[in-house]
Amino acid sequence: MQAVRKAADGGMRSLQLRRKNVPDSVRAEQARALAPLCRELGVVFLINDDWRLALEVGADGAHVGREDESLARIRAEAGPDLILGGASYDDLPSARCSPPPSSRTPSAHRCRC
């Protein structure tokens, strides 16, 4: 957690938890610790490949890949407030996004699905 504080002191504005090779329980424990810390520091907190965990821990958003559910389905289930990023690879129409309505996330974008 000290490394996150130092990075925020150095100007980090967002943090993505990307732990693909650890058990789900470890990733969830880390997310539960990082979410309040990032809120305290004013850092946008995103979780990779697990939008449900992002909602559970109060993260700002999630990033999903092509093997995950569709952005439209996730948006329908997650609601409008979760920042949602999706890997578009070479599919430009999938990358369409608009600026976020929230001033809390000035450097992030929300996908309109």
PDB file of N, CA and C in Angstrom:
ATOM      1  N   MET A   1       0.814  -1.185   0.000  1.00  0.00           N
ATOM      2  CA  MET A   1       0.000   0.000   0.000  1.00  0.00           C
ATOM      3  C   MET A   1       0.870   1.265   0.000  1.00  0.00           C
ATOM      4  N   GLN A   2       2.050   1.149   0.561  1.00  0.00           N
ATOM      5  CA  GLN A   2       2.942   2.294   0.581  1.00  0.00           C
ATOM      6  C   GLN A   2       3.357   2.680  -0.839  1.00  0.00           C
ATOM      7  N   ALA A   3       3.526   1.698  -1.703  1.00  0.00           N
ATOM      8  CA  ALA A   3       3.897   1.984  -3.096  1.00  0.00           C
ATOM      9  C   ALA A   3       2.772   2.756  -3.799  1.00  0.00           C
ATOM     10  N   VAL A   4       1.530   2.422  -3.487  1.00  0.00           N
ATOM     11  CA  VAL A   4       0.396   3.132  -4.085  1.00  0.00           C
ATOM     12  C   VAL A   4       0.381   4.581  -3.598  1.00  0.00           C
ATOM     13  N   ARG A   5       0.606   4.772  -2.305  1.00  0.00           N
ATOM     14  CA  ARG A   5       0.666   6.146  -1.755  1.00  0.00           C
ATOM     15  C   ARG A   5       1.775   6.959  -2.419  1.00  0.00           C
ATOM     16  N   LYS A   6       2.944   6.348  -2.579  1.00  0.00           N
ATOM     17  CA  LYS A   6       4.067   7.056  -3.204  1.00  0.00           C
ATOM     18  C   LYS A   6       3.757   7.392  -4.659  1.00  0.00           C
ATOM     19  N   ALA A   7       3.151   6.446  -5.364  1.00  0.00           N
ATOM     20  CA  ALA A   7       2.800   6.700  -6.763  1.00  0.00           C
ATOM     21  C   ALA A   7       1.771   7.832  -6.858  1.00  0.00           C
ATOM     22  N   ALA A   8       0.800   7.847  -5.962  1.00  0.00           N
ATOM     23  CA  ALA A   8      -0.197   8.924  -5.957  1.00  0.00           C
ATOM     24  C   ALA A   8       0.469  10.260  -5.633  1.00  0.00           C
ATOM     25  N   ASP A   9       1.389  10.251  -4.698  1.00  0.00           N
ATOM     26  CA  ASP A   9       2.136  11.478  -4.378  1.00  0.00           C
ATOM     27  C   ASP A   9       2.913  11.964  -5.596  1.00  0.00           C
ATOM     28  N   GLY A  10       3.339  11.036  -6.439  1.00  0.00           N
ATOM     29  CA  GLY A  10       4.092  11.379  -7.645  1.00  0.00           C
ATOM     30  C   GLY A  10       3.223  11.742  -8.833  1.00  0.00           C
ATOM     31  N   GLY A  11       1.899  11.699  -8.655  1.00  0.00           N
ATOM     32  CA  GLY A  11       1.009  12.120  -9.733  1.00  0.00           C
ATOM     33  C   GLY A  11       0.155  11.036 -10.358  1.00  0.00           C
ATOM     34  N   MET A  12       0.225   9.802  -9.878  1.00  0.00           N
ATOM     35  CA  MET A  12      -0.618   8.751 -10.439  1.00  0.00           C
ATOM     36  C   MET A  12      -2.080   9.135 -10.283  1.00  0.00           C
ATOM     37  N   ARG A  13      -2.848   9.030 -11.369  1.00  0.00           N
ATOM     38  CA  ARG A  13      -4.263   9.405 -11.334  1.00  0.00           C
ATOM     39  C   ARG A  13      -5.196   8.214 -11.423  1.00  0.00           C
ATOM     40  N   SER A  14      -4.677   7.070 -11.854  1.00  0.00           N
ATOM     41  CA  SER A  14      -5.516   5.877 -11.924  1.00  0.00           C
ATOM     42  C   SER A  14      -4.663   4.639 -11.667  1.00  0.00           C
ATOM     43  N   LEU A  15      -5.333   3.601 -11.193  1.00  0.00           N
ATOM     44  CA  LEU A  15      -4.674   2.333 -10.884  1.00  0.00           C
ATOM     45  C   LEU A  15      -5.574   1.202 -11.349  1.00  0.00           C
ATOM     46  N   GLN A  16      -5.009   0.270 -12.103  1.00  0.00           N
ATOM     47  CA  GLN A  16      -5.756  -0.893 -12.548  1.00  0.00           C
ATOM     48  C   GLN A  16      -5.192  -2.132 -11.865  1.00  0.00           C
ATOM     49  N   LEU A  17      -6.058  -2.836 -11.139  1.00  0.00           N
ATOM     50  CA  LEU A  17      -5.670  -4.104 -10.524  1.00  0.00           C
ATOM     51  C   LEU A  17      -5.775  -5.179 -11.592  1.00  0.00           C
ATOM     52  N   ARG A  18      -4.626  -5.727 -11.943  1.00  0.00           N
ATOM     53  CA  ARG A  18      -4.555  -6.720 -13.021  1.00  0.00           C
ATOM     54  C   ARG A  18      -3.749  -7.905 -12.495  1.00  0.00           C
ATOM     55  N   ARG A  19      -4.418  -8.827 -11.853  1.00  0.00           N
ATOM     56  CA  ARG A  19      -3.757  -9.992 -11.259  1.00  0.00           C
ATOM     57  C   ARG A  19      -4.391 -11.247 -11.841  1.00  0.00           C
ATOM     58  N   LYS A  20      -3.924 -11.675 -12.982  1.00  0.00           N
ATOM     59  CA  LYS A  20      -4.521 -12.815 -13.677  1.00  0.00           C
ATOM     60  C   LYS A  20      -4.075 -14.166 -13.120  1.00  0.00           C
ATOM     61  N   ASN A  21      -2.928 -14.205 -12.462  1.00  0.00           N
ATOM     62  CA  ASN A  21      -2.364 -15.489 -12.051  1.00  0.00           C
ATOM     63  C   ASN A  21      -2.386 -15.711 -10.546  1.00  0.00           C
ATOM     64  N   VAL A  22      -3.360 -15.119  -9.875  1.00  0.00           N
ATOM     65  CA  VAL A  22      -3.533 -15.353  -8.439  1.00  0.00           C
ATOM     66  C   VAL A  22      -4.943 -15.873  -8.219  1.00  0.00           C
ATOM     67  N   PRO A  23      -5.162 -16.585  -7.113  1.00  0.00           N
ATOM     68  CA  PRO A  23      -6.521 -17.051  -6.825  1.00  0.00           C
ATOM     69  C   PRO A  23      -7.493 -15.873  -6.685  1.00  0.00           C
ATOM     70  N   ASP A  24      -8.755 -16.120  -7.026  1.00  0.00           N
ATOM     71  CA  ASP A  24      -9.776 -15.083  -6.927  1.00  0.00           C
ATOM     72  C   ASP A  24      -9.832 -14.476  -5.534  1.00  0.00           C
ATOM     73  N   SER A  25      -9.635 -15.297  -4.513  1.00  0.00           N
ATOM     74  CA  SER A  25      -9.712 -14.803  -3.136  1.00  0.00           C
ATOM     75  C   SER A  25      -8.609 -13.782  -2.849  1.00  0.00           C
ATOM     76  N   VAL A  26      -7.434 -13.992  -3.411  1.00  0.00           N
ATOM     77  CA  VAL A  26      -6.322 -13.059  -3.216  1.00  0.00           C
ATOM     78  C   VAL A  26      -6.618 -11.741  -3.936  1.00  0.00           C
ATOM     79  N   ARG A  27      -7.097 -11.845  -5.175  1.00  0.00           N
ATOM     80  CA  ARG A  27      -7.434 -10.637  -5.938  1.00  0.00           C
ATOM     81  C   ARG A  27      -8.535  -9.848  -5.234  1.00  0.00           C
ATOM     82  N   ALA A  28      -9.529 -10.542  -4.697  1.00  0.00           N
ATOM     83  CA  ALA A  28     -10.627  -9.868  -3.990  1.00  0.00           C
ATOM     84  C   ALA A  28     -10.124  -9.179  -2.723  1.00  0.00           C
ATOM     85  N   GLU A  29      -9.249  -9.831  -2.002  1.00  0.00           N
ATOM     86  CA  GLU A  29      -8.676  -9.237  -0.788  1.00  0.00           C
ATOM     87  C   GLU A  29      -7.888  -7.971  -1.139  1.00  0.00           C
ATOM     88  N   GLN A  30      -7.109  -8.037  -2.199  1.00  0.00           N
ATOM     89  CA  GLN A  30      -6.343  -6.870  -2.626  1.00  0.00           C
ATOM     90  C   GLN A  30      -7.275  -5.741  -3.076  1.00  0.00           C
ATOM     91  N   ALA A  31      -8.319  -6.094  -3.797  1.00  0.00           N
ATOM     92  CA  ALA A  31      -9.276  -5.082  -4.260  1.00  0.00           C
ATOM     93  C   ALA A  31      -9.964  -4.406  -3.082  1.00  0.00           C
ATOM     94  N   ARG A  32     -10.321  -5.186  -2.061  1.00  0.00           N
ATOM     95  CA  ARG A  32     -10.973  -4.614  -0.871  1.00  0.00           C
ATOM     96  C   ARG A  32     -10.055  -3.645  -0.130  1.00  0.00           C
ATOM     97  N   ALA A  33      -8.764  -3.884  -0.191  1.00  0.00           N
ATOM     98  CA  ALA A  33      -7.808  -2.976   0.449  1.00  0.00           C
ATOM     99  C   ALA A  33      -7.534  -1.750  -0.425  1.00  0.00           C
ATOM    100  N   LEU A  34      -7.470  -1.935  -1.729  1.00  0.00           N
ATOM    101  CA  LEU A  34      -7.122  -0.834  -2.622  1.00  0.00           C
ATOM    102  C   LEU A  34      -8.262   0.157  -2.846  1.00  0.00           C
ATOM    103  N   ALA A  35      -9.500  -0.313  -2.876  1.00  0.00           N
ATOM    104  CA  ALA A  35     -10.624   0.579  -3.182  1.00  0.00           C
ATOM    105  C   ALA A  35     -10.705   1.765  -2.219  1.00  0.00           C
ATOM    106  N   PRO A  36     -10.710   1.541  -0.901  1.00  0.00           N
ATOM    107  CA  PRO A  36     -10.788   2.709  -0.008  1.00  0.00           C
ATOM    108  C   PRO A  36      -9.521   3.565  -0.044  1.00  0.00           C
ATOM    109  N   LEU A  37      -8.379   2.942  -0.244  1.00  0.00           N
ATOM    110  CA  LEU A  37      -7.136   3.701  -0.323  1.00  0.00           C
ATOM    111  C   LEU A  37      -7.162   4.623  -1.543  1.00  0.00           C
ATOM    112  N   CYS A  38      -7.582   4.099  -2.671  1.00  0.00           N
ATOM    113  CA  CYS A  38      -7.653   4.919  -3.881  1.00  0.00           C
ATOM    114  C   CYS A  38      -8.659   6.057  -3.713  1.00  0.00           C
ATOM    115  N   ARG A  39      -9.803   5.793  -3.078  1.00  0.00           N
ATOM    116  CA  ARG A  39     -10.769   6.867  -2.808  1.00  0.00           C
ATOM    117  C   ARG A  39     -10.125   7.957  -1.962  1.00  0.00           C
ATOM    118  N   GLU A  40      -9.427   7.543  -0.911  1.00  0.00           N
ATOM    119  CA  GLU A  40      -8.744   8.489  -0.026  1.00  0.00           C
ATOM    120  C   GLU A  40      -7.744   9.351  -0.791  1.00  0.00           C
ATOM    121  N   LEU A  41      -7.041   8.745  -1.726  1.00  0.00           N
ATOM    122  CA  LEU A  41      -5.982   9.433  -2.458  1.00  0.00           C
ATOM    123  C   LEU A  41      -6.485  10.165  -3.705  1.00  0.00           C
ATOM    124  N   GLY A  42      -7.762   9.983  -4.040  1.00  0.00           N
ATOM    125  CA  GLY A  42      -8.292  10.602  -5.250  1.00  0.00           C
ATOM    126  C   GLY A  42      -7.814   9.945  -6.521  1.00  0.00           C
ATOM    127  N   VAL A  43      -7.512   8.657  -6.442  1.00  0.00           N
ATOM    128  CA  VAL A  43      -7.025   7.876  -7.582  1.00  0.00           C
ATOM    129  C   VAL A  43      -8.173   7.024  -8.119  1.00  0.00           C
ATOM    130  N   VAL A  44      -8.399   7.080  -9.420  1.00  0.00           N
ATOM    131  CA  VAL A  44      -9.415   6.246 -10.053  1.00  0.00           C
ATOM    132  C   VAL A  44      -8.949   4.795  -9.983  1.00  0.00           C
ATOM    133  N   PHE A  45      -9.813   3.911  -9.460  1.00  0.00           N
ATOM    134  CA  PHE A  45      -9.453   2.504  -9.266  1.00  0.00           C
ATOM    135  C   PHE A  45     -10.271   1.629 -10.196  1.00  0.00           C
ATOM    136  N   LEU A  46      -9.571   0.879 -11.036  1.00  0.00           N
ATOM    137  CA  LEU A  46     -10.191  -0.027 -12.009  1.00  0.00           C
ATOM    138  C   LEU A  46      -9.739  -1.455 -11.736  1.00  0.00           C
ATOM    139  N   ILE A  47     -10.636  -2.389 -11.983  1.00  0.00           N
ATOM    140  CA  ILE A  47     -10.304  -3.808 -11.819  1.00  0.00           C
ATOM    141  C   ILE A  47     -10.389  -4.483 -13.182  1.00  0.00           C
ATOM    142  N   ASN A  48      -9.395  -5.254 -13.505  1.00  0.00           N
ATOM    143  CA  ASN A  48      -9.331  -5.941 -14.788  1.00  0.00           C
ATOM    144  C   ASN A  48     -10.143  -7.228 -14.763  1.00  0.00           C
ATOM    145  N   ASP A  49     -10.964  -7.411 -15.788  1.00  0.00           N
ATOM    146  CA  ASP A  49     -11.664  -8.674 -16.054  1.00  0.00           C
ATOM    147  C   ASP A  49     -12.648  -9.126 -14.979  1.00  0.00           C
ATOM    148  N   ASP A  50     -13.095  -8.244 -14.099  1.00  0.00           N
ATOM    149  CA  ASP A  50     -14.057  -8.674 -13.074  1.00  0.00           C
ATOM    150  C   ASP A  50     -14.922  -7.493 -12.636  1.00  0.00           C
ATOM    151  N   TRP A  51     -15.895  -7.155 -13.475  1.00  0.00           N
ATOM    152  CA  TRP A  51     -16.743  -6.002 -13.184  1.00  0.00           C
ATOM    153  C   TRP A  51     -17.607  -6.233 -11.948  1.00  0.00           C
ATOM    154  N   ARG A  52     -17.945  -7.474 -11.669  1.00  0.00           N
ATOM    155  CA  ARG A  52     -18.742  -7.755 -10.460  1.00  0.00           C
ATOM    156  C   ARG A  52     -17.937  -7.454  -9.193  1.00  0.00           C
ATOM    157  N   LEU A  53     -16.658  -7.818  -9.205  1.00  0.00           N
ATOM    158  CA  LEU A  53     -15.791  -7.492  -8.074  1.00  0.00           C
ATOM    159  C   LEU A  53     -15.656  -5.970  -7.947  1.00  0.00           C
ATOM    160  N   ALA A  54     -15.549  -5.288  -9.073  1.00  0.00           N
ATOM    161  CA  ALA A  54     -15.461  -3.827  -9.042  1.00  0.00           C
ATOM    162  C   ALA A  54     -16.678  -3.230  -8.344  1.00  0.00           C
ATOM    163  N   LEU A  55     -17.858  -3.715  -8.661  1.00  0.00           N
ATOM    164  CA  LEU A  55     -19.071  -3.236  -7.989  1.00  0.00           C
ATOM    165  C   LEU A  55     -19.060  -3.592  -6.510  1.00  0.00           C
ATOM    166  N   GLU A  56     -18.667  -4.805  -6.216  1.00  0.00           N
ATOM    167  CA  GLU A  56     -18.665  -5.297  -4.828  1.00  0.00           C
ATOM    168  C   GLU A  56     -17.785  -4.450  -3.918  1.00  0.00           C
ATOM    169  N   VAL A  57     -16.623  -4.087  -4.389  1.00  0.00           N
ATOM    170  CA  VAL A  57     -15.669  -3.367  -3.523  1.00  0.00           C
ATOM    171  C   VAL A  57     -15.781  -1.851  -3.654  1.00  0.00           C
ATOM    172  N   GLY A  58     -16.614  -1.383  -4.564  1.00  0.00           N
ATOM    173  CA  GLY A  58     -16.754   0.052  -4.745  1.00  0.00           C
ATOM    174  C   GLY A  58     -15.661   0.674  -5.588  1.00  0.00           C
ATOM    175  N   ALA A  59     -15.094  -0.113  -6.500  1.00  0.00           N
ATOM    176  CA  ALA A  59     -14.100   0.433  -7.426  1.00  0.00           C
ATOM    177  C   ALA A  59     -14.810   1.394  -8.387  1.00  0.00           C
ATOM    178  N   ASP A  60     -14.039   2.258  -9.013  1.00  0.00           N
ATOM    179  CA  ASP A  60     -14.611   3.207  -9.959  1.00  0.00           C
ATOM    180  C   ASP A  60     -15.022   2.545 -11.262  1.00  0.00           C
ATOM    181  N   GLY A  61     -14.330   1.460 -11.623  1.00  0.00           N
ATOM    182  CA  GLY A  61     -14.649   0.850 -12.891  1.00  0.00           C
ATOM    183  C   GLY A  61     -13.947  -0.468 -13.107  1.00  0.00           C
ATOM    184  N   ALA A  62     -14.158  -0.987 -14.324  1.00  0.00           N
ATOM    185  CA  ALA A  62     -13.583  -2.269 -14.701  1.00  0.00           C
ATOM    186  C   ALA A  62     -13.182  -2.224 -16.171  1.00  0.00           C
ATOM    187  N   HIS A  63     -12.225  -3.044 -16.509  1.00  0.00           N
ATOM    188  CA  HIS A  63     -11.821  -3.220 -17.902  1.00  0.00           C
ATOM    189  C   HIS A  63     -12.056  -4.674 -18.261  1.00  0.00           C
ATOM    190  N   VAL A  64     -12.692  -4.904 -19.398  1.00  0.00           N
ATOM    191  CA  VAL A  64     -12.999  -6.273 -19.816  1.00  0.00           C
ATOM    192  C   VAL A  64     -12.397  -6.547 -21.179  1.00  0.00           C
ATOM    193  N   GLY A  65     -12.136  -7.800 -21.428  1.00  0.00           N
ATOM    194  CA  GLY A  65     -11.533  -8.222 -22.687  1.00  0.00           C
ATOM    195  C   GLY A  65     -12.540  -8.899 -23.594  1.00  0.00           C
ATOM    196  N   ARG A  66     -12.045  -9.404 -24.695  1.00  0.00           N
ATOM    197  CA  ARG A  66     -12.951  -9.992 -25.692  1.00  0.00           C
ATOM    198  C   ARG A  66     -13.571 -11.303 -25.215  1.00  0.00           C
ATOM    199  N   GLU A  67     -12.963 -11.981 -24.247  1.00  0.00           N
ATOM    200  CA  GLU A  67     -13.546 -13.222 -23.733  1.00  0.00           C
ATOM    201  C   GLU A  67     -14.602 -12.970 -22.653  1.00  0.00           C
ATOM    202  N   ASP A  68     -14.716 -11.728 -22.195  1.00  0.00           N
ATOM    203  CA  ASP A  68     -15.692 -11.397 -21.161  1.00  0.00           C
ATOM    204  C   ASP A  68     -17.056 -11.133 -21.799  1.00  0.00           C
ATOM    205  N   GLU A  69     -18.032 -10.855 -20.956  1.00  0.00           N
ATOM    206  CA  GLU A  69     -19.368 -10.530 -21.454  1.00  0.00           C
ATOM    207  C   GLU A  69     -19.318  -9.267 -22.303  1.00  0.00           C
ATOM    208  N   SER A  70     -20.361  -9.048 -23.083  1.00  0.00           N
ATOM    209  CA  SER A  70     -20.398  -7.855 -23.928  1.00  0.00           C
ATOM    210  C   SER A  70     -20.526  -6.606 -23.061  1.00  0.00           C
ATOM    211  N   LEU A  71     -19.998  -5.504 -23.571  1.00  0.00           N
ATOM    212  CA  LEU A  71     -20.098  -4.235 -22.846  1.00  0.00           C
ATOM    213  C   LEU A  71     -21.553  -3.846 -22.620  1.00  0.00           C
ATOM    214  N   ALA A  72     -22.414  -4.084 -23.610  1.00  0.00           N
ATOM    215  CA  ALA A  72     -23.822  -3.730 -23.477  1.00  0.00           C
ATOM    216  C   ALA A  72     -24.476  -4.517 -22.341  1.00  0.00           C
ATOM    217  N   ARG A  73     -24.179  -5.785 -22.256  1.00  0.00           N
ATOM    218  CA  ARG A  73     -24.766  -6.606 -21.186  1.00  0.00           C
ATOM    219  C   ARG A  73     -24.237  -6.177 -19.818  1.00  0.00           C
ATOM    220  N   ILE A  74     -22.936  -5.930 -19.744  1.00  0.00           N
ATOM    221  CA  ILE A  74     -22.353  -5.490 -18.473  1.00  0.00           C
ATOM    222  C   ILE A  74     -22.965  -4.155 -18.068  1.00  0.00           C
ATOM    223  N   ARG A  75     -23.074  -3.218 -19.012  1.00  0.00           N
ATOM    224  CA  ARG A  75     -23.658  -1.911 -18.707  1.00  0.00           C
ATOM    225  C   ARG A  75     -25.086  -2.070 -18.181  1.00  0.00           C
ATOM    226  N   ALA A  76     -25.859  -2.951 -18.807  1.00  0.00           N
ATOM    227  CA  ALA A  76     -27.242  -3.168 -18.375  1.00  0.00           C
ATOM    228  C   ALA A  76     -27.302  -3.693 -16.942  1.00  0.00           C
ATOM    229  N   GLU A  77     -26.381  -4.559 -16.576  1.00  0.00           N
ATOM    230  CA  GLU A  77     -26.378  -5.135 -15.234  1.00  0.00           C
ATOM    231  C   GLU A  77     -25.700  -4.236 -14.212  1.00  0.00           C
ATOM    232  N   ALA A  78     -24.629  -3.540 -14.622  1.00  0.00           N
ATOM    233  CA  ALA A  78     -23.835  -2.755 -13.678  1.00  0.00           C
ATOM    234  C   ALA A  78     -24.420  -1.374 -13.420  1.00  0.00           C
ATOM    235  N   GLY A  79     -25.187  -0.856 -14.352  1.00  0.00           N
ATOM    236  CA  GLY A  79     -25.730   0.483 -14.203  1.00  0.00           C
ATOM    237  C   GLY A  79     -24.814   1.524 -14.815  1.00  0.00           C
ATOM    238  N   PRO A  80     -25.232   2.787 -14.745  1.00  0.00           N
ATOM    239  CA  PRO A  80     -24.533   3.848 -15.465  1.00  0.00           C
ATOM    240  C   PRO A  80     -23.286   4.401 -14.780  1.00  0.00           C
ATOM    241  N   ASP A  81     -23.068   4.098 -13.521  1.00  0.00           N
ATOM    242  CA  ASP A  81     -21.993   4.774 -12.790  1.00  0.00           C
ATOM    243  C   ASP A  81     -20.628   4.103 -12.869  1.00  0.00           C
ATOM    244  N   LEU A  82     -20.587   2.844 -13.230  1.00  0.00           N
ATOM    245  CA  LEU A  82     -19.319   2.130 -13.301  1.00  0.00           C
ATOM    246  C   LEU A  82     -18.571   2.538 -14.571  1.00  0.00           C
ATOM    247  N   ILE A  83     -17.340   2.998 -14.425  1.00  0.00           N
ATOM    248  CA  ILE A  83     -16.508   3.240 -15.599  1.00  0.00           C
ATOM    249  C   ILE A  83     -16.254   1.883 -16.228  1.00  0.00           C
ATOM    250  N   LEU A  84     -16.480   1.794 -17.518  1.00  0.00           N
ATOM    251  CA  LEU A  84     -16.377   0.502 -18.181  1.00  0.00           C
ATOM    252  C   LEU A  84     -15.510   0.638 -19.415  1.00  0.00           C
ATOM    253  N   GLY A  85     -14.388  -0.061 -19.403  1.00  0.00           N
ATOM    254  CA  GLY A  85     -13.486  -0.058 -20.547  1.00  0.00           C
ATOM    255  C   GLY A  85     -13.453  -1.435 -21.160  1.00  0.00           C
ATOM    256  N   GLY A  86     -13.329  -1.474 -22.469  1.00  0.00           N
ATOM    257  CA  GLY A  86     -13.276  -2.756 -23.146  1.00  0.00           C
ATOM    258  C   GLY A  86     -12.159  -2.766 -24.165  1.00  0.00           C
ATOM    259  N   ALA A  87     -11.512  -3.898 -24.275  1.00  0.00           N
ATOM    260  CA  ALA A  87     -10.466  -4.054 -25.275  1.00  0.00           C
ATOM    261  C   ALA A  87     -11.120  -4.081 -26.646  1.00  0.00           C
ATOM    262  N   SER A  88     -10.686  -3.194 -27.536  1.00  0.00           N
ATOM    263  CA  SER A  88     -11.306  -3.125 -28.856  1.00  0.00           C
ATOM    264  C   SER A  88     -10.447  -3.772 -29.933  1.00  0.00           C
ATOM    265  N   TYR A  89      -9.177  -4.033 -29.616  1.00  0.00           N
ATOM    266  CA  TYR A  89      -8.257  -4.624 -30.574  1.00  0.00           C
ATOM    267  C   TYR A  89      -8.284  -3.812 -31.858  1.00  0.00           C
ATOM    268  N   ASP A  90      -8.718  -4.363 -32.981  1.00  0.00           N
ATOM    269  CA  ASP A  90      -8.748  -3.577 -34.218  1.00  0.00           C
ATOM    270  C   ASP A  90     -10.174  -3.228 -34.640  1.00  0.00           C
ATOM    271  N   ASP A  91     -11.119  -3.250 -33.700  1.00  0.00           N
ATOM    272  CA  ASP A  91     -12.518  -2.969 -33.981  1.00  0.00           C
ATOM    273  C   ASP A  91     -12.858  -1.566 -33.481  1.00  0.00           C
ATOM    274  N   LEU A  92     -12.605  -0.558 -34.311  1.00  0.00           N
ATOM    275  CA  LEU A  92     -12.784   0.829 -33.912  1.00  0.00           C
ATOM    276  C   LEU A  92     -14.193   1.153 -33.424  1.00  0.00           C
ATOM    277  N   PRO A  93     -15.266   0.646 -34.040  1.00  0.00           N
ATOM    278  CA  PRO A  93     -16.600   0.958 -33.516  1.00  0.00           C
ATOM    279  C   PRO A  93     -16.795   0.513 -32.059  1.00  0.00           C
ATOM    280  N   SER A  94     -16.091  -0.525 -31.644  1.00  0.00           N
ATOM    281  CA  SER A  94     -16.200  -0.983 -30.260  1.00  0.00           C
ATOM    282  C   SER A  94     -15.506  -0.029 -29.293  1.00  0.00           C
ATOM    283  N   ALA A  95     -14.678   0.839 -29.809  1.00  0.00           N
ATOM    284  CA  ALA A  95     -13.902   1.730 -28.951  1.00  0.00           C
ATOM    285  C   ALA A  95     -14.590   3.072 -28.714  1.00  0.00           C
ATOM    286  N   ARG A  96     -15.782   3.284 -29.279  1.00  0.00           N
ATOM    287  CA  ARG A  96     -16.469   4.567 -29.110  1.00  0.00           C
ATOM    288  C   ARG A  96     -16.756   4.833 -27.640  1.00  0.00           C
ATOM    289  N   CYS A  97     -16.331   6.007 -27.168  1.00  0.00           N
ATOM    290  CA  CYS A  97     -16.559   6.410 -25.789  1.00  0.00           C
ATOM    291  C   CYS A  97     -16.879   7.891 -25.752  1.00  0.00           C
ATOM    292  N   SER A  98     -17.451   8.320 -24.641  1.00  0.00           N
ATOM    293  CA  SER A  98     -17.706   9.746 -24.444  1.00  0.00           C
ATOM    294  C   SER A  98     -17.152  10.152 -23.095  1.00  0.00           C
ATOM    295  N   PRO A  99     -16.898  11.445 -22.900  1.00  0.00           N
ATOM    296  CA  PRO A  99     -16.346  11.886 -21.622  1.00  0.00           C
ATOM    297  C   PRO A  99     -17.271  11.561 -20.467  1.00  0.00           C
ATOM    298  N   PRO A 100     -16.731  11.326 -19.307  1.00  0.00           N
ATOM    299  CA  PRO A 100     -17.560  10.981 -18.155  1.00  0.00           C
ATOM    300  C   PRO A 100     -18.331  12.188 -17.643  1.00  0.00           C
ATOM    301  N   PRO A 101     -19.540  11.983 -17.135  1.00  0.00           N
ATOM    302  CA  PRO A 101     -20.291  13.096 -16.572  1.00  0.00           C
ATOM    303  C   PRO A 101     -19.790  13.502 -15.190  1.00  0.00           C
ATOM    304  N   SER A 102     -19.001  12.663 -14.564  1.00  0.00           N
ATOM    305  CA  SER A 102     -18.552  12.914 -13.198  1.00  0.00           C
ATOM    306  C   SER A 102     -17.225  13.656 -13.183  1.00  0.00           C
ATOM    307  N   SER A 103     -17.128  14.694 -12.357  1.00  0.00           N
ATOM    308  CA  SER A 103     -15.861  15.408 -12.239  1.00  0.00           C
ATOM    309  C   SER A 103     -14.859  14.613 -11.414  1.00  0.00           C
ATOM    310  N   ARG A 104     -15.316  13.540 -10.766  1.00  0.00           N
ATOM    311  CA  ARG A 104     -14.431  12.711  -9.943  1.00  0.00           C
ATOM    312  C   ARG A 104     -13.465  11.904 -10.802  1.00  0.00           C
ATOM    313  N   THR A 105     -13.814  11.694 -12.060  1.00  0.00           N
ATOM    314  CA  THR A 105     -12.987  10.871 -12.935  1.00  0.00           C
ATOM    315  C   THR A 105     -12.590  11.656 -14.176  1.00  0.00           C
ATOM    316  N   PRO A 106     -11.816  12.721 -14.018  1.00  0.00           N
ATOM    317  CA  PRO A 106     -11.539  13.591 -15.159  1.00  0.00           C
ATOM    318  C   PRO A 106     -10.721  12.955 -16.263  1.00  0.00           C
ATOM    319  N   SER A 107      -9.918  11.955 -15.965  1.00  0.00           N
ATOM    320  CA  SER A 107      -9.056  11.414 -17.014  1.00  0.00           C
ATOM    321  C   SER A 107      -9.578  10.110 -17.592  1.00  0.00           C
ATOM    322  N   ALA A 108     -10.717   9.648 -17.128  1.00  0.00           N
ATOM    323  CA  ALA A 108     -11.260   8.374 -17.612  1.00  0.00           C
ATOM    324  C   ALA A 108     -12.391   8.627 -18.598  1.00  0.00           C
ATOM    325  N   HIS A 109     -12.769   7.620 -19.324  1.00  0.00           N
ATOM    326  CA  HIS A 109     -13.913   7.705 -20.230  1.00  0.00           C
ATOM    327  C   HIS A 109     -14.879   6.583 -19.897  1.00  0.00           C
ATOM    328  N   ARG A 110     -16.136   6.848 -20.135  1.00  0.00           N
ATOM    329  CA  ARG A 110     -17.167   5.836 -19.964  1.00  0.00           C
ATOM    330  C   ARG A 110     -17.677   5.446 -21.347  1.00  0.00           C
ATOM    331  N   CYS A 111     -17.786   4.179 -21.589  1.00  0.00           N
ATOM    332  CA  CYS A 111     -18.299   3.728 -22.868  1.00  0.00           C
ATOM    333  C   CYS A 111     -19.815   3.850 -22.873  1.00  0.00           C
ATOM    334  N   ARG A 112     -20.347   4.306 -23.966  1.00  0.00           N
ATOM    335  CA  ARG A 112     -21.801   4.374 -24.139  1.00  0.00           C
ATOM    336  C   ARG A 112     -22.210   3.107 -24.864  1.00  0.00           C
ATOM    337  N   CYS A 113     -22.897   2.247 -24.181  1.00  0.00           N
ATOM    338  CA  CYS A 113     -23.290   0.971 -24.766  1.00  0.00           C
ATOM    339  C   CYS A 113     -24.788   0.918 -24.917  1.00  0.00           C
TER     340      CYS A 113
END
